Amino acid sequence: MCEIAYNVLTLFTIAAVICLHYYVLTQLVSLINQIIVKASTKDDNWGWDTNNMNNG
């Protein structure tokens, strides 16, 4: 009986670790995707104001 419980606990632990890795990887990919989208929408002056002080 104890051996069955040990095997079930082992399988549950392995499944939990796999699911946790999957969750972390999906969150990481989502974060990287958001960073790429924000970087691609930035203008050429890297977000600085477009006012030029030399023209005034």
PDB file of N, CA and C in Angstrom:
ATOM      1  N   MET A   1       0.840  -1.201   0.000  1.00  0.00           N
ATOM      2  CA  MET A   1       0.000   0.000   0.000  1.00  0.00           C
ATOM      3  C   MET A   1       0.873   1.249   0.000  1.00  0.00           C
ATOM      4  N   CYS A   2       1.931   1.218   0.765  1.00  0.00           N
ATOM      5  CA  CYS A   2       2.799   2.386   0.845  1.00  0.00           C
ATOM      6  C   CYS A   2       3.535   2.606  -0.472  1.00  0.00           C
ATOM      7  N   GLU A   3       3.835   1.504  -1.164  1.00  0.00           N
ATOM      8  CA  GLU A   3       4.526   1.629  -2.446  1.00  0.00           C
ATOM      9  C   GLU A   3       3.630   2.286  -3.490  1.00  0.00           C
ATOM     10  N   ILE A   4       2.348   1.979  -3.461  1.00  0.00           N
ATOM     11  CA  ILE A   4       1.404   2.596  -4.397  1.00  0.00           C
ATOM     12  C   ILE A   4       1.297   4.092  -4.114  1.00  0.00           C
ATOM     13  N   ALA A   5       1.213   4.444  -2.852  1.00  0.00           N
ATOM     14  CA  ALA A   5       1.128   5.860  -2.488  1.00  0.00           C
ATOM     15  C   ALA A   5       2.400   6.601  -2.895  1.00  0.00           C
ATOM     16  N   TYR A   6       3.535   5.947  -2.744  1.00  0.00           N
ATOM     17  CA  TYR A   6       4.804   6.567  -3.137  1.00  0.00           C
ATOM     18  C   TYR A   6       4.851   6.788  -4.647  1.00  0.00           C
ATOM     19  N   ASN A   7       4.388   5.800  -5.405  1.00  0.00           N
ATOM     20  CA  ASN A   7       4.374   5.940  -6.864  1.00  0.00           C
ATOM     21  C   ASN A   7       3.419   7.042  -7.314  1.00  0.00           C
ATOM     22  N   VAL A   8       2.266   7.118  -6.684  1.00  0.00           N
ATOM     23  CA  VAL A   8       1.303   8.167  -7.026  1.00  0.00           C
ATOM     24  C   VAL A   8       1.880   9.534  -6.688  1.00  0.00           C
ATOM     25  N   LEU A   9       2.517   9.648  -5.535  1.00  0.00           N
ATOM     26  CA  LEU A   9       3.123  10.915  -5.141  1.00  0.00           C
ATOM     27  C   LEU A   9       4.244  11.305  -6.102  1.00  0.00           C
ATOM     28  N   THR A  10       5.026  10.332  -6.534  1.00  0.00           N
ATOM     29  CA  THR A  10       6.102  10.606  -7.484  1.00  0.00           C
ATOM     30  C   THR A  10       5.545  11.089  -8.817  1.00  0.00           C
ATOM     31  N   LEU A  11       4.532  10.407  -9.327  1.00  0.00           N
ATOM     32  CA  LEU A  11       3.923  10.819 -10.595  1.00  0.00           C
ATOM     33  C   LEU A  11       3.280  12.200 -10.485  1.00  0.00           C
ATOM     34  N   PHE A  12       2.626  12.455  -9.362  1.00  0.00           N
ATOM     35  CA  PHE A  12       2.014  13.762  -9.161  1.00  0.00           C
ATOM     36  C   PHE A  12       3.071  14.861  -9.120  1.00  0.00           C
ATOM     37  N   THR A  13       4.186  14.605  -8.455  1.00  0.00           N
ATOM     38  CA  THR A  13       5.265  15.595  -8.376  1.00  0.00           C
ATOM     39  C   THR A  13       5.854  15.870  -9.749  1.00  0.00           C
ATOM     40  N   ILE A  14       6.084  14.821 -10.529  1.00  0.00           N
ATOM     41  CA  ILE A  14       6.628  14.998 -11.878  1.00  0.00           C
ATOM     42  C   ILE A  14       5.654  15.781 -12.748  1.00  0.00           C
ATOM     43  N   ALA A  15       4.365  15.448 -12.665  1.00  0.00           N
ATOM     44  CA  ALA A  15       3.363  16.161 -13.454  1.00  0.00           C
ATOM     45  C   ALA A  15       3.282  17.629 -13.035  1.00  0.00           C
ATOM     46  N   ALA A  16       3.379  17.900 -11.738  1.00  0.00           N
ATOM     47  CA  ALA A  16       3.329  19.280 -11.260  1.00  0.00           C
ATOM     48  C   ALA A  16       4.530  20.073 -11.744  1.00  0.00           C
ATOM     49  N   VAL A  17       5.711  19.458 -11.743  1.00  0.00           N
ATOM     50  CA  VAL A  17       6.915  20.146 -12.213  1.00  0.00           C
ATOM     51  C   VAL A  17       6.811  20.439 -13.707  1.00  0.00           C
ATOM     52  N   ILE A  18       6.292  19.483 -14.480  1.00  0.00           N
ATOM     53  CA  ILE A  18       6.128  19.703 -15.920  1.00  0.00           C
ATOM     54  C   ILE A  18       5.139  20.833 -16.178  1.00  0.00           C
ATOM     55  N   CYS A  19       4.028  20.837 -15.468  1.00  0.00           N
ATOM     56  CA  CYS A  19       3.032  21.899 -15.646  1.00  0.00           C
ATOM     57  C   CYS A  19       3.594  23.257 -15.232  1.00  0.00           C
ATOM     58  N   LEU A  20       4.377  23.291 -14.174  1.00  0.00           N
ATOM     59  CA  LEU A  20       4.972  24.546 -13.725  1.00  0.00           C
ATOM     60  C   LEU A  20       5.955  25.072 -14.761  1.00  0.00           C
ATOM     61  N   HIS A  21       6.762  24.192 -15.333  1.00  0.00           N
ATOM     62  CA  HIS A  21       7.681  24.615 -16.385  1.00  0.00           C
ATOM     63  C   HIS A  21       6.920  25.143 -17.597  1.00  0.00           C
ATOM     64  N   TYR A  22       5.837  24.472 -17.966  1.00  0.00           N
ATOM     65  CA  TYR A  22       5.024  24.926 -19.095  1.00  0.00           C
ATOM     66  C   TYR A  22       4.456  26.313 -18.819  1.00  0.00           C
ATOM     67  N   TYR A  23       3.944  26.537 -17.606  1.00  0.00           N
ATOM     68  CA  TYR A  23       3.377  27.834 -17.246  1.00  0.00           C
ATOM     69  C   TYR A  23       4.436  28.931 -17.295  1.00  0.00           C
ATOM     70  N   VAL A  24       5.609  28.662 -16.734  1.00  0.00           N
ATOM     71  CA  VAL A  24       6.680  29.658 -16.717  1.00  0.00           C
ATOM     72  C   VAL A  24       7.129  29.978 -18.136  1.00  0.00           C
ATOM     73  N   LEU A  25       7.268  28.971 -18.982  1.00  0.00           N
ATOM     74  CA  LEU A  25       7.696  29.209 -20.361  1.00  0.00           C
ATOM     75  C   LEU A  25       6.663  30.013 -21.140  1.00  0.00           C
ATOM     76  N   THR A  26       5.366  29.722 -20.948  1.00  0.00           N
ATOM     77  CA  THR A  26       4.350  30.492 -21.662  1.00  0.00           C
ATOM     78  C   THR A  26       4.327  31.946 -21.189  1.00  0.00           C
ATOM     79  N   GLN A  27       4.518  32.168 -19.896  1.00  0.00           N
ATOM     80  CA  GLN A  27       4.564  33.539 -19.395  1.00  0.00           C
ATOM     81  C   GLN A  27       5.784  34.279 -19.923  1.00  0.00           C
ATOM     82  N   LEU A  28       6.911  33.589 -20.015  1.00  0.00           N
ATOM     83  CA  LEU A  28       8.129  34.198 -20.534  1.00  0.00           C
ATOM     84  C   LEU A  28       7.977  34.557 -22.009  1.00  0.00           C
ATOM     85  N   VAL A  29       7.394  33.667 -22.788  1.00  0.00           N
ATOM     86  CA  VAL A  29       7.167  33.947 -24.207  1.00  0.00           C
ATOM     87  C   VAL A  29       6.209  35.119 -24.365  1.00  0.00           C
ATOM     88  N   SER A  30       5.178  35.180 -23.539  1.00  0.00           N
ATOM     89  CA  SER A  30       4.238  36.295 -23.597  1.00  0.00           C
ATOM     90  C   SER A  30       4.923  37.614 -23.252  1.00  0.00           C
ATOM     91  N   LEU A  31       5.782  37.610 -22.246  1.00  0.00           N
ATOM     92  CA  LEU A  31       6.505  38.818 -21.861  1.00  0.00           C
ATOM     93  C   LEU A  31       7.445  39.270 -22.973  1.00  0.00           C
ATOM     94  N   ILE A  32       8.173  38.338 -23.569  1.00  0.00           N
ATOM     95  CA  ILE A  32       9.082  38.685 -24.662  1.00  0.00           C
ATOM     96  C   ILE A  32       8.293  39.219 -25.852  1.00  0.00           C
ATOM     97  N   ASN A  33       7.131  38.633 -26.113  1.00  0.00           N
ATOM     98  CA  ASN A  33       6.291  39.102 -27.213  1.00  0.00           C
ATOM     99  C   ASN A  33       5.834  40.536 -26.970  1.00  0.00           C
ATOM    100  N   GLN A  34       5.457  40.870 -25.746  1.00  0.00           N
ATOM    101  CA  GLN A  34       5.047  42.238 -25.431  1.00  0.00           C
ATOM    102  C   GLN A  34       6.208  43.205 -25.597  1.00  0.00           C
ATOM    103  N   ILE A  35       7.404  42.797 -25.195  1.00  0.00           N
ATOM    104  CA  ILE A  35       8.581  43.660 -25.350  1.00  0.00           C
ATOM    105  C   ILE A  35       8.866  43.901 -26.826  1.00  0.00           C
ATOM    106  N   ILE A  36       8.753  42.860 -27.647  1.00  0.00           N
ATOM    107  CA  ILE A  36       9.006  43.008 -29.083  1.00  0.00           C
ATOM    108  C   ILE A  36       7.975  43.928 -29.714  1.00  0.00           C
ATOM    109  N   VAL A  37       6.715  43.803 -29.319  1.00  0.00           N
ATOM    110  CA  VAL A  37       5.670  44.662 -29.882  1.00  0.00           C
ATOM    111  C   VAL A  37       5.913  46.109 -29.493  1.00  0.00           C
ATOM    112  N   LYS A  38       6.283  46.363 -28.241  1.00  0.00           N
ATOM    113  CA  LYS A  38       6.552  47.735 -27.814  1.00  0.00           C
ATOM    114  C   LYS A  38       7.772  48.303 -28.522  1.00  0.00           C
ATOM    115  N   ALA A  39       8.790  47.487 -28.737  1.00  0.00           N
ATOM    116  CA  ALA A  39       9.997  47.959 -29.405  1.00  0.00           C
ATOM    117  C   ALA A  39       9.724  48.276 -30.866  1.00  0.00           C
ATOM    118  N   SER A  40       8.842  47.526 -31.508  1.00  0.00           N
ATOM    119  CA  SER A  40       8.576  47.761 -32.923  1.00  0.00           C
ATOM    120  C   SER A  40       7.693  48.984 -33.141  1.00  0.00           C
ATOM    121  N   THR A  41       6.956  49.428 -32.119  1.00  0.00           N
ATOM    122  CA  THR A  41       6.098  50.602 -32.273  1.00  0.00           C
ATOM    123  C   THR A  41       6.805  51.891 -31.887  1.00  0.00           C
ATOM    124  N   LYS A  42       8.022  51.808 -31.348  1.00  0.00           N
ATOM    125  CA  LYS A  42       8.755  53.024 -31.000  1.00  0.00           C
ATOM    126  C   LYS A  42       9.174  53.758 -32.258  1.00  0.00           C
ATOM    127  N   ASP A  43       9.202  55.082 -32.169  1.00  0.00           N
ATOM    128  CA  ASP A  43       9.613  55.870 -33.324  1.00  0.00           C
ATOM    129  C   ASP A  43      11.138  55.952 -33.395  1.00  0.00           C
ATOM    130  N   ASP A  44      11.633  56.667 -34.389  1.00  0.00           N
ATOM    131  CA  ASP A  44      13.070  56.701 -34.641  1.00  0.00           C
ATOM    132  C   ASP A  44      13.846  57.470 -33.578  1.00  0.00           C
ATOM    133  N   ASN A  45      13.192  58.341 -32.820  1.00  0.00           N
ATOM    134  CA  ASN A  45      13.929  59.133 -31.837  1.00  0.00           C
ATOM    135  C   ASN A  45      13.871  58.502 -30.447  1.00  0.00           C
ATOM    136  N   TRP A  46      13.546  57.219 -30.356  1.00  0.00           N
ATOM    137  CA  TRP A  46      13.574  56.449 -29.119  1.00  0.00           C
ATOM    138  C   TRP A  46      12.699  57.053 -28.025  1.00  0.00           C
ATOM    139  N   GLY A  47      11.573  57.645 -28.416  1.00  0.00           N
ATOM    140  CA  GLY A  47      10.621  58.135 -27.449  1.00  0.00           C
ATOM    141  C   GLY A  47      10.880  59.534 -26.938  1.00  0.00           C
ATOM    142  N   TRP A  48      11.932  60.196 -27.417  1.00  0.00           N
ATOM    143  CA  TRP A  48      12.187  61.559 -26.996  1.00  0.00           C
ATOM    144  C   TRP A  48      11.195  62.491 -27.680  1.00  0.00           C
ATOM    145  N   ASP A  49      11.008  63.649 -27.079  1.00  0.00           N
ATOM    146  CA  ASP A  49      10.087  64.625 -27.636  1.00  0.00           C
ATOM    147  C   ASP A  49      10.588  65.081 -29.003  1.00  0.00           C
ATOM    148  N   THR A  50       9.647  65.384 -29.891  1.00  0.00           N
ATOM    149  CA  THR A  50      10.034  65.755 -31.253  1.00  0.00           C
ATOM    150  C   THR A  50      10.357  67.235 -31.378  1.00  0.00           C
ATOM    151  N   ASN A  51      10.206  68.011 -30.303  1.00  0.00           N
ATOM    152  CA  ASN A  51      10.540  69.434 -30.382  1.00  0.00           C
ATOM    153  C   ASN A  51      12.045  69.610 -30.474  1.00  0.00           C
ATOM    154  N   ASN A  52      12.480  70.423 -31.419  1.00  0.00           N
ATOM    155  CA  ASN A  52      13.907  70.675 -31.597  1.00  0.00           C
ATOM    156  C   ASN A  52      14.219  72.053 -31.036  1.00  0.00           C
ATOM    157  N   MET A  53      15.094  72.122 -30.050  1.00  0.00           N
ATOM    158  CA  MET A  53      15.394  73.390 -29.391  1.00  0.00           C
ATOM    159  C   MET A  53      16.229  74.313 -30.284  1.00  0.00           C
ATOM    160  N   ASN A  54      16.863  73.795 -31.310  1.00  0.00           N
ATOM    161  CA  ASN A  54      17.702  74.617 -32.175  1.00  0.00           C
ATOM    162  C   ASN A  54      16.886  75.460 -33.152  1.00  0.00           C
ATOM    163  N   ASN A  55      15.617  75.139 -33.307  1.00  0.00           N
ATOM    164  CA  ASN A  55      14.788  75.893 -34.249  1.00  0.00           C
ATOM    165  C   ASN A  55      14.154  77.112 -33.601  1.00  0.00           C
ATOM    166  N   GLY A  56      14.245  77.264 -32.317  1.00  0.00           N
ATOM    167  CA  GLY A  56      13.534  78.313 -31.615  1.00  0.00           C
ATOM    168  C   GLY A  56      14.327  79.520 -31.494  1.00  0.00           C
TER     169      GLY A  56
END
